[in-house]
Amino acid sequence: MARVLSAIPGSRVWTCVGVLALVSSSAEWSHAGRSAPASTQASPTKADCIQAHKRCQQAQNDRRLVEARAWAASCTNPACPGLLVADCARWLNELDQRIPSVVFDVQAGGHPGMKAEVYADGQRVENWTRGEALRLDPGQHTFRFVLAPFSPSTETMLLGEGMRFHVVSVDLAMPERERSTPNQREPVPERGRAGGPARPVPVVVYPLLAVGVAGIAGFVGFGLSGKAEQRRLERTCSPNCTESELSTMRQRYLIGDISAAVGVGAMVGAGVLYLFRPKRPTRESVSVTALPCGGSMVYRF
């Protein structure tokens, strides 16, 4: 390469450098929000080159870097004067490093959304699925992603100089009204239907059962306690125990007998009330709730 350039006159060296810079940077796709010089088949005139050189400087001063890059690429044409080509080639290389760019990663329900429409600052981005970088001027930008039947998504971010190939990721979700599948709907009450006669359990049955259980427990407890006292008296004073010594044993046996009577009576009363409870006509209502797994749950009341 050095031998080739040494054989070219000095006025044309920078022209070749500009051509190489233009070819090496043309692989990256650019997006400009403002007007930029259109590429034409005809070679630019000297006046066109001077105009592109001037507008490239103005765009850089106004921080319109994408537009400035387009002008810089225009004035690197071999038909332009060598000095202009040198400036434009240097600017082109610098702008490639300064201009931020983004690439898009669009998911839809956890799967690649290759058919989504992508908009950058209100302008549709064509062929974004190629994975090519989208050049944008430094500053705040808004991206919108649209893919039916998913809900559109909007992302806003601030791009600074040198932020190249920044990945914008989004996962589109289904609308709320679409998420409820037929198997996940709200409970649907059905019309109540007349049921057969019911026999509700009287409320008093439950406390009677509790009293019965407590009575039986008292009978067992005081009976064992009285038996233990009886054995102690047999070892110590039998058969000459006094009335005062026997009273404790008799009292425990008496409390046990009373507890047993109360417990048995309560249990019998609860059983009678349960067995002879009255019949009452009722009306049965049914509610069906779909479960996420695909089944259903039925409530009857």
Protein backbone atom coordinates (compact mmCIF):
# COMPACT_ATOMS: atom_id res chain seq x y z
CA MET A 1 0.00 0.00 0.00
CA ALA A 2 2.89 2.40 0.82
CA ARG A 3 4.48 1.75 -2.59
CA VAL A 4 1.18 2.46 -4.34
CA LEU A 5 0.67 5.76 -2.50
CA SER A 6 4.27 6.84 -3.11
CA ALA A 7 3.68 6.48 -6.83
CA ILE A 8 0.71 8.84 -6.72
CA PRO A 9 1.29 12.60 -6.86
CA GLY A 10 0.92 14.41 -3.55
CA SER A 11 -2.21 16.26 -4.61
CA ARG A 12 -3.98 12.93 -5.13
CA VAL A 13 -2.81 11.04 -2.01
CA TRP A 14 -5.54 12.50 0.18
CA THR A 15 -8.03 11.77 -2.55
CA CYS A 16 -7.19 8.05 -2.32
CA VAL A 17 -7.35 8.18 1.46
CA GLY A 18 -10.84 9.66 1.23
CA VAL A 19 -11.96 6.94 -1.16
CA LEU A 20 -10.70 4.21 1.16
CA ALA A 21 -12.40 5.83 4.16
CA LEU A 22 -15.67 6.09 2.27
CA VAL A 23 -15.56 2.45 1.16
CA SER A 24 -14.67 1.14 4.63
CA SER A 25 -17.50 3.01 6.35
CA SER A 26 -20.23 2.38 3.78
CA ALA A 27 -21.12 -1.02 5.29
CA GLU A 28 -22.85 0.57 8.29
CA TRP A 29 -26.40 1.79 7.58
CA SER A 30 -27.16 5.35 8.69
CA HIS A 31 -30.38 7.16 9.57
CA ALA A 32 -30.61 10.95 9.29
CA GLY A 33 -33.44 13.06 10.59
CA ARG A 34 -32.55 16.01 8.34
CA SER A 35 -31.85 16.44 4.67
CA ALA A 36 -28.54 15.04 3.48
CA PRO A 37 -26.87 14.98 0.07
CA ALA A 38 -28.25 12.25 -2.17
CA SER A 39 -25.83 9.90 -3.84
CA THR A 40 -25.81 10.29 -7.61
CA GLN A 41 -24.06 8.56 -10.45
CA ALA A 42 -22.48 11.76 -11.80
CA SER A 43 -19.25 13.02 -10.21
CA PRO A 44 -19.68 16.18 -8.11
CA THR A 45 -18.34 19.45 -9.41
CA LYS A 46 -15.79 21.51 -7.53
CA ALA A 47 -18.59 23.81 -6.37
CA ASP A 48 -20.51 20.80 -5.05
CA CYS A 49 -17.46 19.64 -3.12
CA ILE A 50 -16.90 23.06 -1.59
CA GLN A 51 -20.58 23.25 -0.62
CA ALA A 52 -20.48 19.78 0.98
CA HIS A 53 -17.28 20.72 2.86
CA LYS A 54 -18.90 23.87 4.19
CA ARG A 55 -22.17 22.18 5.20
CA CYS A 56 -20.28 19.38 6.95
CA GLN A 57 -18.62 21.96 9.19
CA GLN A 58 -21.92 23.71 9.86
CA ALA A 59 -23.67 20.46 10.77
CA GLN A 60 -20.89 19.51 13.16
CA ASN A 61 -21.10 22.89 14.86
CA ASP A 62 -24.88 22.39 15.26
CA ARG A 63 -24.30 18.85 16.62
CA ARG A 64 -26.19 17.32 13.69
CA LEU A 65 -23.62 14.58 13.45
CA VAL A 66 -25.56 12.19 11.22
CA GLU A 67 -26.12 14.90 8.64
CA ALA A 68 -22.48 15.99 8.97
CA ARG A 69 -21.35 12.46 8.21
CA ALA A 70 -23.44 12.38 5.03
CA TRP A 71 -21.81 15.63 3.85
CA ALA A 72 -18.36 14.31 4.78
CA ALA A 73 -18.97 11.17 2.73
CA SER A 74 -20.06 13.35 -0.20
CA CYS A 75 -16.90 15.43 -0.29
CA THR A 76 -14.56 12.41 -0.18
CA ASN A 77 -15.41 11.72 -3.80
CA PRO A 78 -12.24 11.34 -5.91
CA ALA A 79 -13.49 14.14 -8.16
CA CYS A 80 -13.15 16.65 -5.30
CA PRO A 81 -9.95 18.64 -4.71
CA GLY A 82 -7.32 16.80 -2.65
CA LEU A 83 -7.34 19.24 0.26
CA LEU A 84 -11.11 18.94 0.65
CA VAL A 85 -10.91 15.15 0.44
CA ALA A 86 -8.29 15.14 3.21
CA ASP A 87 -10.52 17.19 5.54
CA CYS A 88 -13.65 15.20 4.74
CA ALA A 89 -11.89 11.84 5.18
CA ARG A 90 -10.61 12.89 8.60
CA TRP A 91 -14.05 14.13 9.62
CA LEU A 92 -15.67 10.97 8.36
CA ASN A 93 -13.42 8.83 10.53
CA GLU A 94 -13.99 11.05 13.57
CA LEU A 95 -17.75 11.10 13.08
CA ASP A 96 -17.89 7.32 12.84
CA GLN A 97 -16.43 7.23 16.35
CA ARG A 98 -18.62 10.00 17.77
CA ILE A 99 -22.05 9.17 16.35
CA PRO A 100 -24.11 6.92 18.68
CA SER A 101 -25.96 3.99 17.16
CA VAL A 102 -28.48 1.40 18.31
CA VAL A 103 -29.56 -2.10 17.37
CA PHE A 104 -32.93 -3.58 18.31
CA ASP A 105 -33.83 -6.80 20.12
CA VAL A 106 -37.61 -7.27 19.99
CA GLN A 107 -39.34 -10.12 21.81
CA ALA A 108 -43.08 -10.83 21.81
CA GLY A 109 -44.33 -13.01 24.61
CA GLY A 110 -40.83 -14.40 25.12
CA HIS A 111 -40.31 -15.22 21.43
CA PRO A 112 -38.48 -13.24 18.71
CA GLY A 113 -40.79 -10.59 17.23
CA MET A 114 -39.23 -10.31 13.81
CA LYS A 115 -42.41 -8.90 12.25
CA ALA A 116 -42.67 -5.97 14.64
CA GLU A 117 -42.68 -2.40 13.33
CA VAL A 118 -40.03 -0.17 14.89
CA TYR A 119 -40.23 3.63 14.94
CA ALA A 120 -37.41 5.97 15.95
CA ASP A 121 -38.56 9.49 16.82
CA GLY A 122 -41.75 8.89 14.84
CA GLN A 123 -40.01 7.61 11.70
CA ARG A 124 -40.32 3.96 10.74
CA VAL A 125 -37.07 2.01 10.76
CA GLU A 126 -36.87 -0.15 7.66
CA ASN A 127 -35.11 -3.51 7.61
CA TRP A 128 -34.22 -3.38 11.31
CA THR A 129 -34.23 -7.19 11.39
CA ARG A 130 -30.93 -7.25 9.51
CA GLY A 131 -29.18 -6.36 12.75
CA GLU A 132 -27.58 -3.26 11.23
CA ALA A 133 -26.84 -0.31 13.50
CA LEU A 134 -29.07 2.75 13.33
CA ARG A 135 -27.09 6.00 13.61
CA LEU A 136 -28.71 8.81 15.58
CA ASP A 137 -27.62 12.23 16.76
CA PRO A 138 -26.62 12.54 20.42
CA GLY A 139 -29.57 13.38 22.68
CA GLN A 140 -32.88 11.93 23.80
CA HIS A 141 -34.70 9.58 21.46
CA THR A 142 -38.01 7.73 21.60
CA PHE A 143 -38.53 4.26 20.14
CA ARG A 144 -41.92 2.66 19.58
CA PHE A 145 -42.52 -1.03 18.89
CA VAL A 146 -45.78 -2.28 17.35
CA LEU A 147 -46.85 -5.88 16.70
CA ALA A 148 -50.47 -7.04 16.72
CA PRO A 149 -52.06 -8.39 18.85
CA PHE A 150 -49.50 -7.38 21.50
CA SER A 151 -49.63 -4.05 23.31
CA PRO A 152 -47.35 -1.40 21.76
CA SER A 153 -44.31 -0.45 23.79
CA THR A 154 -42.42 2.84 23.95
CA GLU A 155 -38.85 3.27 25.17
CA THR A 156 -37.10 6.61 25.73
CA MET A 157 -33.36 6.88 26.25
CA LEU A 158 -30.52 9.39 26.17
CA LEU A 159 -27.71 8.64 23.74
CA GLY A 160 -24.33 10.26 24.23
CA GLU A 161 -21.43 10.62 21.82
CA GLY A 162 -19.50 7.40 21.37
CA MET A 163 -22.39 5.12 22.47
CA ARG A 164 -22.11 2.82 19.49
CA PHE A 165 -24.16 -0.34 18.92
CA HIS A 166 -26.30 0.21 22.01
CA VAL A 167 -28.88 -2.61 22.27
CA VAL A 168 -32.52 -1.56 22.75
CA SER A 169 -34.36 -4.60 24.15
CA VAL A 170 -38.13 -4.88 24.56
CA ASP A 171 -40.53 -7.74 25.29
CA LEU A 172 -44.05 -7.03 24.07
CA ALA A 173 -46.89 -8.33 26.25
CA MET A 174 -50.49 -9.18 25.53
CA PRO A 175 -53.16 -6.64 26.57
CA GLU A 176 -54.86 -7.25 29.90
CA ARG A 177 -58.18 -8.12 28.26
CA GLU A 178 -56.46 -10.73 26.09
CA ARG A 179 -54.65 -12.45 28.96
CA SER A 180 -57.81 -14.01 30.38
CA THR A 181 -58.27 -17.14 28.31
CA PRO A 182 -61.60 -19.00 28.25
CA ASN A 183 -60.22 -21.26 30.99
CA GLN A 184 -59.36 -18.30 33.23
CA ARG A 185 -62.54 -16.28 33.32
CA GLU A 186 -64.19 -14.90 36.40
CA PRO A 187 -66.64 -17.08 38.31
CA VAL A 188 -69.93 -17.39 36.44
CA PRO A 189 -72.89 -17.77 38.77
CA GLU A 190 -75.54 -20.15 37.51
CA ARG A 191 -79.22 -19.83 38.15
CA GLY A 192 -80.21 -21.28 41.49
CA ARG A 193 -82.24 -24.43 41.41
CA ALA A 194 -84.64 -25.85 43.90
CA GLY A 195 -83.05 -28.49 46.10
CA GLY A 196 -84.54 -31.19 48.30
CA PRO A 197 -85.37 -30.63 51.95
CA ALA A 198 -82.30 -30.08 54.12
CA ARG A 199 -81.81 -30.97 57.77
CA PRO A 200 -79.46 -28.37 59.25
CA VAL A 201 -77.70 -29.29 62.49
CA PRO A 202 -79.05 -27.29 65.47
CA VAL A 203 -76.48 -24.93 66.92
CA VAL A 204 -77.00 -26.26 70.45
CA VAL A 205 -75.66 -29.67 69.41
CA TYR A 206 -72.08 -28.41 69.36
CA PRO A 207 -71.92 -27.03 72.94
CA LEU A 208 -73.69 -30.18 74.20
CA LEU A 209 -71.00 -32.31 72.60
CA ALA A 210 -68.33 -30.17 74.25
CA VAL A 211 -70.01 -30.59 77.67
CA GLY A 212 -70.28 -34.32 77.09
CA VAL A 213 -66.59 -34.64 76.29
CA ALA A 214 -65.67 -32.54 79.33
CA GLY A 215 -67.90 -34.69 81.56
CA ILE A 216 -66.34 -37.93 80.39
CA ALA A 217 -62.88 -36.47 80.89
CA GLY A 218 -63.84 -35.36 84.42
CA PHE A 219 -65.17 -38.81 85.23
CA VAL A 220 -61.92 -40.44 84.13
CA GLY A 221 -59.74 -37.89 85.91
CA PHE A 222 -61.52 -37.84 89.27
CA GLY A 223 -62.05 -41.61 89.13
CA LEU A 224 -58.33 -42.23 88.79
CA SER A 225 -57.59 -39.70 91.51
CA GLY A 226 -60.09 -41.35 93.89
CA LYS A 227 -58.63 -44.77 93.12
CA ALA A 228 -55.15 -43.54 93.92
CA GLU A 229 -56.35 -42.11 97.22
CA GLN A 230 -58.09 -45.41 98.05
CA ARG A 231 -54.86 -47.36 97.52
CA ARG A 232 -52.96 -44.97 99.76
CA LEU A 233 -55.49 -45.43 102.57
CA GLU A 234 -55.31 -49.20 102.20
CA ARG A 235 -51.57 -49.07 102.74
CA THR A 236 -51.58 -46.65 105.65
CA CYS A 237 -54.69 -46.93 107.83
CA SER A 238 -57.02 -49.67 106.56
CA PRO A 239 -59.23 -50.92 108.16
CA ASN A 240 -59.03 -48.25 110.91
CA CYS A 241 -59.24 -45.12 108.71
CA THR A 242 -61.17 -42.20 110.14
CA GLU A 243 -64.04 -40.41 108.44
CA SER A 244 -61.87 -37.39 107.75
CA GLU A 245 -59.33 -39.58 105.96
CA LEU A 246 -62.05 -41.28 103.91
CA SER A 247 -63.80 -38.02 102.95
CA THR A 248 -61.19 -37.04 100.38
CA MET A 249 -61.55 -40.34 98.54
CA ARG A 250 -65.33 -40.23 98.64
CA GLN A 251 -65.39 -36.61 97.41
CA ARG A 252 -63.28 -37.46 94.36
CA TYR A 253 -65.44 -40.47 93.52
CA LEU A 254 -68.56 -38.30 93.86
CA ILE A 255 -67.24 -35.58 91.53
CA GLY A 256 -66.29 -38.25 89.02
CA ASP A 257 -69.76 -39.76 89.14
CA ILE A 258 -71.40 -36.35 88.68
CA SER A 259 -69.10 -35.58 85.75
CA ALA A 260 -69.99 -38.87 84.14
CA ALA A 261 -73.70 -38.22 84.57
CA VAL A 262 -73.42 -34.73 83.11
CA GLY A 263 -71.26 -35.93 80.22
CA VAL A 264 -73.53 -38.84 79.36
CA GLY A 265 -76.61 -36.63 79.58
CA ALA A 266 -75.05 -34.00 77.30
CA MET A 267 -74.01 -36.62 74.78
CA VAL A 268 -77.45 -38.19 74.78
CA GLY A 269 -79.07 -34.77 74.36
CA ALA A 270 -76.82 -33.91 71.44
CA GLY A 271 -77.59 -37.21 69.78
CA VAL A 272 -81.34 -36.78 70.20
CA LEU A 273 -81.27 -33.24 68.79
CA TYR A 274 -79.16 -34.38 65.84
CA LEU A 275 -81.27 -37.42 64.99
CA PHE A 276 -84.62 -35.65 65.30
CA ARG A 277 -83.64 -32.31 63.76
CA PRO A 278 -86.41 -30.84 61.55
CA LYS A 279 -86.38 -30.70 57.77
CA ARG A 280 -86.34 -27.34 55.98
CA PRO A 281 -86.78 -26.67 52.25
CA THR A 282 -83.75 -24.96 50.68
CA ARG A 283 -82.73 -23.47 47.32
CA GLU A 284 -79.39 -24.55 45.91
CA SER A 285 -77.14 -22.13 44.01
CA VAL A 286 -74.19 -23.15 41.88
CA SER A 287 -71.11 -21.11 40.93
CA VAL A 288 -68.52 -22.40 38.46
CA THR A 289 -64.95 -21.06 38.48
CA ALA A 290 -62.44 -21.96 35.75
CA LEU A 291 -58.98 -22.84 36.98
CA PRO A 292 -55.71 -21.84 35.22
CA CYS A 293 -54.81 -25.49 34.70
CA GLY A 294 -57.90 -25.99 32.55
CA GLY A 295 -60.24 -27.58 35.11
CA SER A 296 -63.12 -26.02 36.98
CA MET A 297 -64.31 -25.66 40.55
CA VAL A 298 -68.00 -25.84 41.49
CA TYR A 299 -69.43 -24.10 44.54
CA ARG A 300 -72.82 -25.17 45.87
CA PHE A 301 -74.56 -23.19 48.56
